[in-house]
N, C-alpha and C. Protein backbone atom coordinates (compact mmCIF):
# COMPACT_ATOMS: atom_id res chain seq x y z
N MET A 1 121.92 114.34 116.53
CA MET A 1 122.49 114.96 115.28
C MET A 1 121.13 115.94 115.12
N VAL A 2 120.28 115.19 115.00
CA VAL A 2 119.06 116.55 114.85
C VAL A 2 119.02 117.73 116.22
N GLU A 3 119.12 117.38 117.00
CA GLU A 3 118.73 118.41 118.20
C GLU A 3 120.13 119.14 118.21
N GLU A 4 121.31 118.95 117.38
CA GLU A 4 122.24 119.87 117.17
C GLU A 4 121.97 120.85 115.86
N ALA A 5 121.19 120.38 115.50
CA ALA A 5 120.92 120.81 113.83
C ALA A 5 119.43 122.14 114.78
N GLY A 6 118.93 121.57 115.88
CA GLY A 6 117.71 122.66 116.17
C GLY A 6 116.09 122.18 116.15
N GLY A 7 116.34 120.95 115.90
CA GLY A 7 115.34 120.25 115.96
C GLY A 7 114.59 119.41 116.75
N GLU A 8 113.92 118.58 117.28
CA GLU A 8 113.38 118.11 118.19
C GLU A 8 113.51 116.30 117.44
N ALA A 9 114.23 115.72 118.53
CA ALA A 9 114.22 114.33 118.08
C ALA A 9 113.88 113.09 119.32
N LEU A 10 113.76 112.09 119.29
CA LEU A 10 113.03 111.42 120.22
C LEU A 10 113.61 109.46 119.86
N PHE A 11 114.05 109.15 120.31
CA PHE A 11 114.85 107.80 120.17
C PHE A 11 113.83 106.66 120.65
N VAL A 12 113.53 105.50 120.10
CA VAL A 12 112.52 104.33 120.89
C VAL A 12 113.41 103.55 120.31
N HIS A 13 113.78 102.50 121.10
CA HIS A 13 114.74 101.33 120.77
C HIS A 13 113.68 100.53 120.35
N THR A 14 113.58 99.93 118.88
CA THR A 14 112.88 99.11 118.77
C THR A 14 113.23 97.82 117.66
N ASN A 15 112.65 96.70 117.92
CA ASN A 15 113.11 95.52 116.72
C ASN A 15 111.98 95.59 115.72
N VAL A 16 111.94 95.92 114.73
CA VAL A 16 111.07 95.96 113.87
C VAL A 16 110.36 94.64 113.83
N ALA A 17 111.07 93.39 113.48
CA ALA A 17 110.81 92.11 113.49
C ALA A 17 109.37 91.54 114.37
N ARG A 18 109.04 92.32 115.27
CA ARG A 18 108.40 92.59 116.43
C ARG A 18 107.30 93.61 116.30
N PHE A 19 106.03 92.81 115.75
CA PHE A 19 105.07 94.03 115.51
C PHE A 19 104.70 95.02 116.89
N GLU A 20 104.43 94.47 118.32
CA GLU A 20 104.17 95.07 119.37
C GLU A 20 105.03 96.17 119.47
N GLU A 21 106.81 96.06 119.05
CA GLU A 21 107.71 97.40 119.78
C GLU A 21 107.48 98.20 118.66
N VAL A 22 106.96 97.83 117.23
CA VAL A 22 106.80 98.99 116.42
C VAL A 22 105.56 99.62 116.62
N GLU A 23 104.48 99.28 117.08
CA GLU A 23 103.41 99.52 117.62
C GLU A 23 103.87 100.76 118.64
N ALA A 24 104.37 99.93 119.73
CA ALA A 24 104.61 101.39 120.65
C ALA A 24 105.40 101.98 120.37
N ALA A 25 106.09 101.67 119.20
CA ALA A 25 107.08 103.51 118.58
C ALA A 25 106.39 104.50 118.37
N VAL A 26 105.23 103.74 117.37
CA VAL A 26 104.22 104.67 116.78
C VAL A 26 103.11 105.27 118.06
N ASP A 27 102.89 104.71 118.95
CA ASP A 27 102.20 105.17 120.27
C ASP A 27 103.06 106.61 120.48
N ARG A 28 104.39 105.55 120.93
CA ARG A 28 105.36 107.02 121.54
C ARG A 28 105.30 108.17 121.11
N ALA A 29 105.50 107.99 119.93
CA ALA A 29 105.64 109.28 118.58
C ALA A 29 104.44 110.42 118.84
N VAL A 30 103.19 109.71 118.63
CA VAL A 30 102.10 110.19 119.25
C VAL A 30 101.79 110.90 119.97
N GLU A 31 102.12 110.14 121.31
CA GLU A 31 102.48 111.10 122.58
C GLU A 31 102.85 111.95 122.89
N ALA A 32 104.31 111.92 121.68
CA ALA A 32 105.53 113.05 122.27
C ALA A 32 105.15 114.25 121.18
N TYR A 33 104.23 114.01 120.11
CA TYR A 33 104.38 114.89 119.33
C TYR A 33 102.66 115.20 118.64
N GLY A 34 101.74 114.36 119.47
CA GLY A 34 100.47 114.43 119.02
C GLY A 34 99.68 114.07 117.98
N SER A 35 100.23 113.69 116.84
CA SER A 35 100.37 113.14 115.22
C SER A 35 101.17 112.04 114.72
N LEU A 36 101.07 111.52 113.58
CA LEU A 36 101.83 111.02 113.10
C LEU A 36 101.72 111.20 111.57
N ASN A 37 102.16 111.87 110.98
CA ASN A 37 102.12 112.29 109.67
C ASN A 37 102.88 111.32 108.47
N VAL A 38 104.28 110.67 108.86
CA VAL A 38 104.74 110.13 108.16
C VAL A 38 105.57 109.09 108.84
N MET A 39 105.64 107.85 108.54
CA MET A 39 106.17 106.62 108.51
C MET A 39 107.22 106.20 107.74
N PHE A 40 108.73 105.99 108.09
CA PHE A 40 109.55 105.71 107.21
C PHE A 40 109.71 104.31 107.38
N ASN A 41 109.86 103.04 106.61
CA ASN A 41 109.92 101.81 106.75
C ASN A 41 111.45 101.43 106.45
N ASN A 42 112.43 101.72 107.41
CA ASN A 42 113.65 102.00 106.41
C ASN A 42 114.88 100.81 107.09
N ALA A 43 114.38 99.85 108.16
CA ALA A 43 115.32 99.24 108.82
C ALA A 43 115.99 98.15 107.71
N GLY A 44 116.71 97.68 107.80
CA GLY A 44 117.18 96.38 106.84
C GLY A 44 118.22 95.57 107.45
N THR A 45 118.28 94.90 106.88
CA THR A 45 119.68 93.73 107.34
C THR A 45 120.35 93.08 105.79
N GLY A 46 121.36 92.38 106.03
CA GLY A 46 121.50 91.34 104.89
C GLY A 46 122.16 90.17 105.01
N HIS A 47 122.39 89.19 104.13
CA HIS A 47 123.15 87.93 104.56
C HIS A 47 123.55 87.43 103.27
N TYR A 48 124.86 87.18 102.70
CA TYR A 48 125.84 86.82 101.82
C TYR A 48 125.74 85.32 101.46
N ALA A 49 125.28 84.80 100.78
CA ALA A 49 126.05 83.23 100.77
C ALA A 49 125.09 82.68 99.63
N PRO A 50 125.77 82.00 98.88
CA PRO A 50 125.30 81.09 97.70
C PRO A 50 124.04 80.55 98.50
N LEU A 51 123.29 80.11 97.57
CA LEU A 51 121.46 79.81 97.71
C LEU A 51 121.81 78.68 98.59
N LEU A 52 122.80 77.55 97.76
CA LEU A 52 122.53 76.13 98.24
C LEU A 52 123.25 75.95 99.87
N ASP A 53 123.78 77.15 100.14
CA ASP A 53 124.86 77.52 101.64
C ASP A 53 124.12 77.98 102.52
N HIS A 54 123.10 78.83 102.27
CA HIS A 54 121.82 79.55 103.25
C HIS A 54 121.50 78.06 104.23
N GLU A 55 121.33 78.79 105.31
CA GLU A 55 120.76 77.69 106.35
C GLU A 55 119.38 78.62 106.55
N PRO A 56 118.27 77.90 106.88
CA PRO A 56 117.07 78.56 106.77
C PRO A 56 116.61 79.92 107.99
N GLY A 57 117.91 79.91 108.97
CA GLY A 57 117.61 80.84 110.07
C GLY A 57 118.19 82.24 109.57
N ASP A 58 119.16 81.59 108.28
CA ASP A 58 119.53 83.45 107.65
C ASP A 58 118.55 84.01 106.82
N TYR A 59 117.97 83.17 106.41
CA TYR A 59 116.86 83.28 105.10
C TYR A 59 115.87 84.21 106.06
N GLU A 60 115.27 83.48 107.12
CA GLU A 60 114.19 83.98 108.05
C GLU A 60 114.85 85.10 108.85
N ARG A 61 115.76 85.62 108.93
CA ARG A 61 116.42 86.71 109.85
C ARG A 61 116.04 87.87 109.19
N VAL A 62 116.80 87.88 107.47
CA VAL A 62 116.75 88.76 106.54
C VAL A 62 115.35 89.27 106.56
N VAL A 63 114.58 88.11 106.14
CA VAL A 63 112.86 88.12 105.74
C VAL A 63 112.28 89.14 107.26
N ARG A 64 112.38 88.92 108.41
CA ARG A 64 111.66 88.89 109.47
C ARG A 64 111.81 90.60 109.62
N VAL A 65 113.12 91.21 109.39
CA VAL A 65 113.43 92.40 109.19
C VAL A 65 113.33 92.92 108.03
N ASN A 66 113.14 92.86 107.18
CA ASN A 66 113.31 93.79 105.66
C ASN A 66 111.84 93.13 105.51
N GLN A 67 111.16 92.67 105.50
CA GLN A 67 109.79 92.28 104.82
C GLN A 67 108.53 92.70 105.96
N PHE A 68 108.91 91.48 106.75
CA PHE A 68 108.09 91.77 108.28
C PHE A 68 107.97 93.04 108.57
N GLY A 69 109.25 93.34 108.96
CA GLY A 69 109.40 94.93 109.47
C GLY A 69 108.65 96.10 108.40
N VAL A 70 108.50 95.85 107.11
CA VAL A 70 107.40 96.59 106.64
C VAL A 70 106.69 96.40 106.86
N TYR A 71 105.90 95.71 106.89
CA TYR A 71 104.76 95.01 107.11
C TYR A 71 104.27 95.84 108.24
N HIS A 72 105.09 95.29 109.82
CA HIS A 72 104.57 96.02 110.89
C HIS A 72 104.54 97.38 111.12
N GLY A 73 105.19 98.27 110.17
CA GLY A 73 105.29 99.81 109.96
C GLY A 73 103.89 100.18 109.13
N ILE A 74 103.50 99.48 108.06
CA ILE A 74 102.68 99.53 107.66
C ILE A 74 100.74 99.39 108.37
N LEU A 75 101.57 98.44 109.02
CA LEU A 75 100.08 98.38 110.30
C LEU A 75 99.67 99.17 110.92
N ALA A 76 101.00 98.97 111.76
CA ALA A 76 100.83 100.36 112.87
C ALA A 76 100.66 101.51 112.33
N ALA A 77 101.24 101.99 111.57
CA ALA A 77 101.10 103.41 111.24
C ALA A 77 99.75 103.97 110.41
N GLY A 78 99.08 103.06 109.75
CA GLY A 78 97.92 102.93 108.60
C GLY A 78 96.77 103.32 110.14
N ARG A 79 97.14 102.36 110.44
CA ARG A 79 95.93 102.13 111.59
C ARG A 79 95.89 103.62 112.57
N LYS A 80 97.21 103.96 113.12
CA LYS A 80 97.35 105.43 113.79
C LYS A 80 96.69 106.35 113.05
N MET A 81 97.07 106.52 111.58
CA MET A 81 96.81 107.45 111.04
C MET A 81 95.55 107.64 110.68
N ARG A 82 95.01 106.17 110.21
CA ARG A 82 93.17 106.18 110.22
C ARG A 82 92.31 106.54 111.47
N ASP A 83 92.91 105.98 112.40
CA ASP A 83 92.56 106.65 113.82
C ASP A 83 92.31 107.94 114.36
N LEU A 84 93.64 108.70 113.91
CA LEU A 84 93.52 109.79 114.12
C LEU A 84 93.10 111.01 113.23
N GLY A 85 92.70 110.17 111.80
CA GLY A 85 92.08 110.94 110.55
C GLY A 85 93.35 111.67 110.18
N VAL A 86 94.29 111.48 109.61
CA VAL A 86 95.29 112.45 109.27
C VAL A 86 96.13 111.36 108.21
N ALA A 87 95.78 112.09 106.80
CA ALA A 87 96.00 111.61 105.62
C ALA A 87 97.49 111.72 105.37
N GLY A 88 98.20 110.84 105.87
CA GLY A 88 99.72 110.65 106.18
C GLY A 88 100.65 110.00 104.96
N THR A 89 102.06 110.05 105.15
CA THR A 89 102.62 109.38 103.93
C THR A 89 103.23 107.94 104.57
N ILE A 90 103.46 107.18 104.23
CA ILE A 90 103.95 105.81 104.41
C ILE A 90 105.16 105.38 103.55
N VAL A 91 106.46 105.84 103.68
CA VAL A 91 107.53 105.25 102.82
C VAL A 91 108.19 104.09 103.21
N ASN A 92 108.30 102.90 102.29
CA ASN A 92 109.12 101.79 102.30
C ASN A 92 110.17 101.99 101.76
N THR A 93 111.64 100.98 102.34
CA THR A 93 112.65 101.23 101.59
C THR A 93 112.39 99.88 101.16
N ALA A 94 112.41 99.76 99.44
CA ALA A 94 112.34 98.61 98.58
C ALA A 94 113.86 98.42 98.15
N SER A 95 114.82 98.33 96.75
CA SER A 95 115.51 98.33 96.47
C SER A 95 115.70 97.80 95.07
N VAL A 96 117.16 98.11 93.99
CA VAL A 96 116.60 97.43 93.10
C VAL A 96 116.64 95.99 92.85
N TYR A 97 116.99 95.63 93.88
CA TYR A 97 117.15 94.02 94.29
C TYR A 97 115.32 93.59 94.32
N SER A 98 114.87 94.51 94.21
CA SER A 98 113.50 94.13 93.98
C SER A 98 112.85 93.87 92.61
N PHE A 99 113.97 94.32 91.60
CA PHE A 99 113.40 94.55 90.02
C PHE A 99 114.58 93.10 89.40
N TYR A 100 115.48 92.93 90.07
CA TYR A 100 116.65 92.34 89.26
C TYR A 100 117.35 91.27 90.02
N ALA A 101 117.66 90.04 89.47
CA ALA A 101 118.01 89.01 90.29
C ALA A 101 119.63 89.03 90.51
N THR A 102 120.38 88.90 91.49
CA THR A 102 121.89 88.99 91.47
C THR A 102 122.14 87.91 92.42
N PRO A 103 123.30 86.78 92.53
CA PRO A 103 123.29 85.95 93.29
C PRO A 103 123.72 86.23 94.69
N GLY A 104 123.84 84.98 95.69
CA GLY A 104 124.09 85.14 97.04
C GLY A 104 123.33 86.12 97.76
N VAL A 105 122.17 86.75 97.48
CA VAL A 105 121.51 87.23 98.51
C VAL A 105 119.97 86.98 98.39
N PHE A 106 119.79 85.49 97.66
CA PHE A 106 118.21 84.98 97.90
C PHE A 106 117.06 85.89 98.87
N GLY A 107 117.32 85.82 100.32
CA GLY A 107 116.60 86.47 101.22
C GLY A 107 116.47 87.30 101.24
N TYR A 108 117.19 88.39 100.52
CA TYR A 108 117.14 90.20 100.77
C TYR A 108 116.22 90.08 99.02
N HIS A 109 116.64 89.25 97.98
CA HIS A 109 115.58 89.57 96.86
C HIS A 109 114.05 89.30 96.88
N ALA A 110 113.84 88.11 98.39
CA ALA A 110 112.73 88.03 98.61
C ALA A 110 112.06 89.07 99.48
N ALA A 111 112.80 89.38 100.13
CA ALA A 111 111.94 90.40 101.11
C ALA A 111 111.54 91.77 100.05
N LYS A 112 112.53 92.12 99.20
CA LYS A 112 112.46 93.45 98.92
C LYS A 112 111.50 93.77 97.84
N GLY A 113 111.54 92.22 97.05
CA GLY A 113 110.33 91.93 96.01
C GLY A 113 108.95 91.99 96.85
N ALA A 114 109.06 91.56 98.14
CA ALA A 114 107.61 91.63 98.80
C ALA A 114 107.24 93.29 98.57
N VAL A 115 108.47 94.01 99.49
CA VAL A 115 108.23 95.34 99.78
C VAL A 115 107.62 96.03 99.05
N LYS A 116 108.09 95.86 97.37
CA LYS A 116 107.69 96.47 96.15
C LYS A 116 106.23 96.11 96.21
N ILE A 117 105.61 94.72 95.73
CA ILE A 117 103.92 94.39 95.41
C ILE A 117 103.30 94.73 97.22
N MET A 118 103.90 95.01 98.49
CA MET A 118 103.09 95.28 99.58
C MET A 118 103.07 97.08 99.23
N THR A 119 103.79 97.98 99.06
CA THR A 119 103.57 99.02 98.71
C THR A 119 102.45 99.37 98.12
N GLN A 120 102.49 98.45 96.57
CA GLN A 120 100.84 98.98 95.88
C GLN A 120 100.03 98.54 96.62
N ALA A 121 99.64 97.38 97.27
CA ALA A 121 98.22 96.81 97.73
C ALA A 121 98.23 97.72 98.81
N ALA A 122 98.92 98.00 100.14
CA ALA A 122 98.72 98.84 101.23
C ALA A 122 98.43 100.30 100.06
N ALA A 123 98.67 100.90 99.19
CA ALA A 123 98.51 102.43 98.66
C ALA A 123 97.04 102.34 98.30
N LEU A 124 96.39 100.87 97.94
CA LEU A 124 94.95 100.62 97.27
C LEU A 124 94.56 100.63 98.38
N GLU A 125 94.36 100.04 99.36
CA GLU A 125 94.11 99.72 100.78
C GLU A 125 93.47 100.72 101.62
N LEU A 126 94.59 101.94 101.79
CA LEU A 126 94.70 103.30 102.57
C LEU A 126 94.32 104.29 101.76
N ALA A 127 94.24 104.09 100.35
CA ALA A 127 93.68 105.22 99.74
C ALA A 127 92.53 105.65 99.97
N PRO A 128 91.22 105.15 100.66
CA PRO A 128 90.31 105.74 101.25
C PRO A 128 90.06 106.52 102.15
N PHE A 129 91.38 106.39 103.12
CA PHE A 129 91.87 107.24 104.37
C PHE A 129 92.64 108.62 103.95
N GLY A 130 92.61 108.62 102.66
CA GLY A 130 93.82 109.68 102.55
C GLY A 130 95.00 109.41 102.73
N ILE A 131 95.54 108.48 102.82
CA ILE A 131 96.88 107.61 103.31
C ILE A 131 97.56 107.79 102.29
N ARG A 132 98.83 107.91 101.85
CA ARG A 132 99.54 107.62 100.49
C ARG A 132 100.90 106.57 100.92
N VAL A 133 100.92 105.72 100.25
CA VAL A 133 102.15 104.62 100.58
C VAL A 133 103.25 104.69 99.05
N VAL A 134 104.12 104.76 99.36
CA VAL A 134 105.36 105.13 98.49
C VAL A 134 106.36 103.72 98.80
N GLY A 135 107.11 103.91 98.06
CA GLY A 135 108.52 103.32 98.11
C GLY A 135 109.70 104.33 97.29
N VAL A 136 110.64 103.74 98.01
CA VAL A 136 111.72 103.80 97.16
C VAL A 136 112.88 103.16 97.05
N ALA A 137 113.46 102.96 95.70
CA ALA A 137 114.13 102.06 95.30
C ALA A 137 115.84 102.04 95.07
N PRO A 138 116.86 102.33 96.17
CA PRO A 138 118.09 102.44 95.95
C PRO A 138 119.35 101.60 95.14
N GLY A 139 120.19 102.02 94.56
CA GLY A 139 121.13 100.74 94.58
C GLY A 139 122.02 100.98 95.40
N ALA A 140 123.38 100.78 95.12
CA ALA A 140 124.22 100.46 95.98
C ALA A 140 124.60 102.09 96.88
N VAL A 141 124.28 101.73 98.06
CA VAL A 141 124.31 103.17 98.85
C VAL A 141 125.32 102.52 100.13
N ASP A 142 126.47 103.70 100.52
CA ASP A 142 127.56 103.79 101.82
C ASP A 142 126.63 103.98 102.93
N THR A 143 126.28 102.37 103.20
CA THR A 143 125.88 102.24 104.46
C THR A 143 126.91 100.67 104.89
N PRO A 144 126.23 100.96 106.65
CA PRO A 144 126.27 99.49 106.88
C PRO A 144 126.54 98.24 106.12
N ILE A 145 125.29 98.28 105.52
CA ILE A 145 124.38 96.73 104.95
C ILE A 145 125.56 96.37 103.99
N ILE A 146 126.20 97.30 103.19
CA ILE A 146 127.30 97.10 102.30
C ILE A 146 128.63 96.77 102.78
N GLN A 147 129.03 96.85 104.14
CA GLN A 147 130.67 96.72 104.23
C GLN A 147 131.01 95.07 104.22
N GLY A 148 129.72 94.40 104.30
CA GLY A 148 130.46 92.93 103.74
C GLY A 148 131.14 92.63 102.83
N TYR A 149 130.49 93.42 101.58
CA TYR A 149 131.21 93.67 100.13
C TYR A 149 131.92 94.37 100.03
N LYS A 150 132.21 95.65 100.91
CA LYS A 150 133.86 96.20 101.03
C LYS A 150 134.59 95.16 101.59
N ASP A 151 134.14 94.56 102.27
CA ASP A 151 135.36 93.66 102.84
C ASP A 151 135.90 92.65 101.97
N MET A 152 134.95 92.55 101.19
CA MET A 152 135.58 91.39 100.26
C MET A 152 136.02 92.04 98.98
N GLY A 153 136.46 93.01 99.01
CA GLY A 153 137.17 93.94 97.75
C GLY A 153 136.16 94.28 96.73
N MET A 154 135.00 94.06 96.95
CA MET A 154 134.00 94.72 95.76
C MET A 154 133.50 96.10 95.67
N ASN A 155 134.10 96.90 96.37
CA ASN A 155 133.65 98.42 96.45
C ASN A 155 133.59 99.03 94.60
N ASP A 156 134.77 98.29 93.93
CA ASP A 156 134.55 99.00 92.79
C ASP A 156 133.20 98.56 91.85
N LEU A 157 133.11 97.06 92.04
CA LEU A 157 132.34 96.40 91.37
C LEU A 157 130.61 97.28 91.93
N LEU A 158 130.47 97.49 93.31
CA LEU A 158 129.18 98.59 93.78
C LEU A 158 128.82 99.27 93.13
N ALA A 159 130.38 100.35 92.93
CA ALA A 159 130.12 101.54 92.30
C ALA A 159 130.10 102.00 91.17
N ASN A 160 130.65 100.69 90.21
CA ASN A 160 130.38 100.98 88.86
C ASN A 160 129.25 100.37 88.30
N ALA A 161 128.20 99.79 89.17
CA ALA A 161 126.62 99.23 89.13
C ALA A 161 125.91 100.57 88.73
N GLN A 162 126.35 101.47 89.30
CA GLN A 162 125.77 102.86 89.41
C GLN A 162 126.07 103.67 87.87
N MET A 163 125.30 103.90 86.90
CA MET A 163 125.39 105.12 85.79
C MET A 163 126.91 105.87 85.46
N ARG A 164 126.57 106.72 86.96
CA ARG A 164 128.04 107.47 87.29
C ARG A 164 129.40 106.97 88.01
N ARG A 165 129.06 105.70 88.17
CA ARG A 165 130.05 104.86 88.38
C ARG A 165 130.92 105.46 90.02
N ARG A 166 129.68 105.51 90.63
CA ARG A 166 129.90 105.65 92.05
C ARG A 166 129.23 105.07 93.45
N ILE A 167 129.03 104.70 94.32
CA ILE A 167 128.31 104.59 95.36
C ILE A 167 127.59 105.73 95.91
N ILE A 168 126.23 105.46 96.04
CA ILE A 168 125.25 106.35 96.36
C ILE A 168 125.32 107.10 97.90
N ALA A 169 125.48 108.53 98.43
CA ALA A 169 125.40 108.91 99.47
C ALA A 169 124.28 108.74 100.28
N PRO A 170 124.27 107.68 101.46
CA PRO A 170 123.05 108.35 102.05
C PRO A 170 121.88 109.35 102.19
N GLU A 171 122.68 110.33 102.20
CA GLU A 171 121.77 111.74 102.26
C GLU A 171 121.25 112.03 100.63
N ALA A 172 121.40 111.45 100.18
CA ALA A 172 120.77 111.62 98.09
C ALA A 172 119.79 110.67 98.79
N ILE A 173 119.32 109.23 99.51
CA ILE A 173 118.18 108.85 99.38
C ILE A 173 117.51 109.52 100.33
N ALA A 174 118.06 110.12 101.51
CA ALA A 174 117.14 110.99 101.99
C ALA A 174 116.53 112.14 101.91
N ASP A 175 117.08 112.45 100.72
CA ASP A 175 116.55 113.99 100.09
C ASP A 175 115.15 113.49 99.47
N VAL A 176 115.30 112.23 98.72
CA VAL A 176 114.18 111.61 97.81
C VAL A 176 113.38 111.46 98.48
N VAL A 177 113.34 110.97 100.03
CA VAL A 177 112.19 110.32 101.02
C VAL A 177 111.42 111.77 101.56
N ALA A 178 112.88 112.49 101.46
CA ALA A 178 112.08 114.10 102.26
C ALA A 178 110.79 114.17 101.27
N LEU A 179 111.30 114.20 99.74
CA LEU A 179 110.41 114.86 98.88
C LEU A 179 109.27 114.09 99.02
N LEU A 180 109.36 113.14 99.02
CA LEU A 180 108.18 111.78 98.38
C LEU A 180 107.10 112.24 100.05
N CYS A 181 107.26 112.67 100.90
CA CYS A 181 106.48 113.06 102.12
C CYS A 181 106.06 114.51 101.83
N THR A 182 106.82 115.31 100.69
CA THR A 182 105.91 116.67 101.31
C THR A 182 104.44 116.56 99.86
N ASP A 183 104.04 117.52 100.05
CA ASP A 183 102.40 118.44 99.44
C ASP A 183 103.01 118.41 97.63
N GLU A 184 104.45 118.60 97.18
CA GLU A 184 104.62 118.62 96.08
C GLU A 184 104.81 116.98 95.57
N ALA A 185 104.44 115.99 96.56
CA ALA A 185 104.64 114.27 95.79
C ALA A 185 103.04 114.27 96.00
N ASP A 186 102.38 115.11 95.91
CA ASP A 186 101.09 114.49 96.23
C ASP A 186 100.43 113.14 95.18
N ALA A 187 100.62 113.52 93.91
CA ALA A 187 100.31 112.60 92.83
C ALA A 187 101.28 111.20 93.06
N ILE A 188 101.50 111.10 93.51
CA ILE A 188 103.07 109.86 93.96
C ILE A 188 101.91 108.85 95.04
N ASN A 189 101.87 107.89 94.71
CA ASN A 189 100.81 107.02 95.39
C ASN A 189 101.40 105.77 94.80
N GLY A 190 101.31 104.21 95.86
CA GLY A 190 101.62 102.99 95.06
C GLY A 190 103.01 102.46 94.15
N SER A 191 103.79 103.83 94.37
CA SER A 191 105.02 103.76 92.99
C SER A 191 105.87 103.51 94.05
N VAL A 192 107.15 102.70 93.42
CA VAL A 192 108.72 102.71 93.81
C VAL A 192 109.20 103.55 92.74
N VAL A 193 110.15 104.95 93.89
CA VAL A 193 110.40 105.72 92.70
C VAL A 193 111.90 105.00 92.89
N MET A 194 112.62 105.08 91.62
CA MET A 194 113.86 104.45 91.57
C MET A 194 114.94 105.57 91.99
N ALA A 195 115.75 105.32 92.71
CA ALA A 195 116.95 106.18 93.67
C ALA A 195 118.04 105.65 93.60
N ASP A 196 118.78 105.19 92.54
CA ASP A 196 119.38 104.17 91.68
C ASP A 196 120.88 105.03 91.44
N ASP A 197 120.35 106.03 91.21
CA ASP A 197 121.53 106.66 89.99
C ASP A 197 121.68 105.66 88.31
N GLY A 198 120.47 105.13 87.83
CA GLY A 198 120.55 104.29 86.85
C GLY A 198 120.85 102.85 86.76
N ASN A 199 121.54 102.43 88.18
CA ASN A 199 121.64 101.02 88.26
C ASN A 199 120.81 100.15 87.63
N ALA A 200 119.24 100.14 87.67
CA ALA A 200 118.28 99.09 87.07
C ALA A 200 118.10 99.19 85.74
N GLU A 201 118.36 100.43 85.40
CA GLU A 201 118.33 100.54 83.91
C GLU A 201 119.66 100.47 83.48
N PHE A 202 120.70 100.28 84.07
CA PHE A 202 122.45 99.73 83.61
C PHE A 202 122.31 98.60 82.91
N LYS A 203 121.44 97.65 83.61
CA LYS A 203 121.54 95.93 83.40
C LYS A 203 121.67 95.77 81.77
C-alpha cells in the first residue's frame, strides 16, 4: 500500500517478543535507509477471560507482546539512535486501559499500565541524547484486536464508550502518531497522549 501511494517500504517479519528479532529489524531499516528517526512500538494482542479463568500462559503471551515488545523496541531503537547521533522519536502504544480497570483483560491492563510508566522512564533516560519518547492511548479502535468483542455482540458497547458513540478509525490514531513524530510536537516528551475520543474522561 505504501509503494502504491508512491513511497518506499520494507517488510521485516518480526516477533516483538524476541529482542534479537526487533534488533535485527532496526538494523535492517538502517541498512536500507541509512538512519532511524522514528520507532513506533505498536504490536499488540489481547485475551479476554475472567481473572480466575486465566491460565498463566494466556497472561504471559499478552505481556510478552504488549509489554516486552515495547521494551525491546525502546531498547533497540534507543541504542541505535544514540549510536547514530540521531535525535529521534520513539512512540509507544498504550491504551485507555493504562488508566482504568475493566473486567476480563487482566494481562492487557498489566501490560498497558507498564507501557505508560516505561514511556515516562525511557523519556527521562534518553533525553540527554535528544531522543523523545511519547505514548498514545487509544480507546476502542476498529482493528482485529477487538474482533472477539464484536463476535460477542459487544459492538454497540464499544462504540458507546467514546463520547461521540463510535468506534475510532485506525487512521485517526495514525494521524496522532504522525503528528507526534514531527518537529511541531517537539515539546511533547514523556507524555501519553489520549487519542480516545473522550473514552477515559467519560468514565
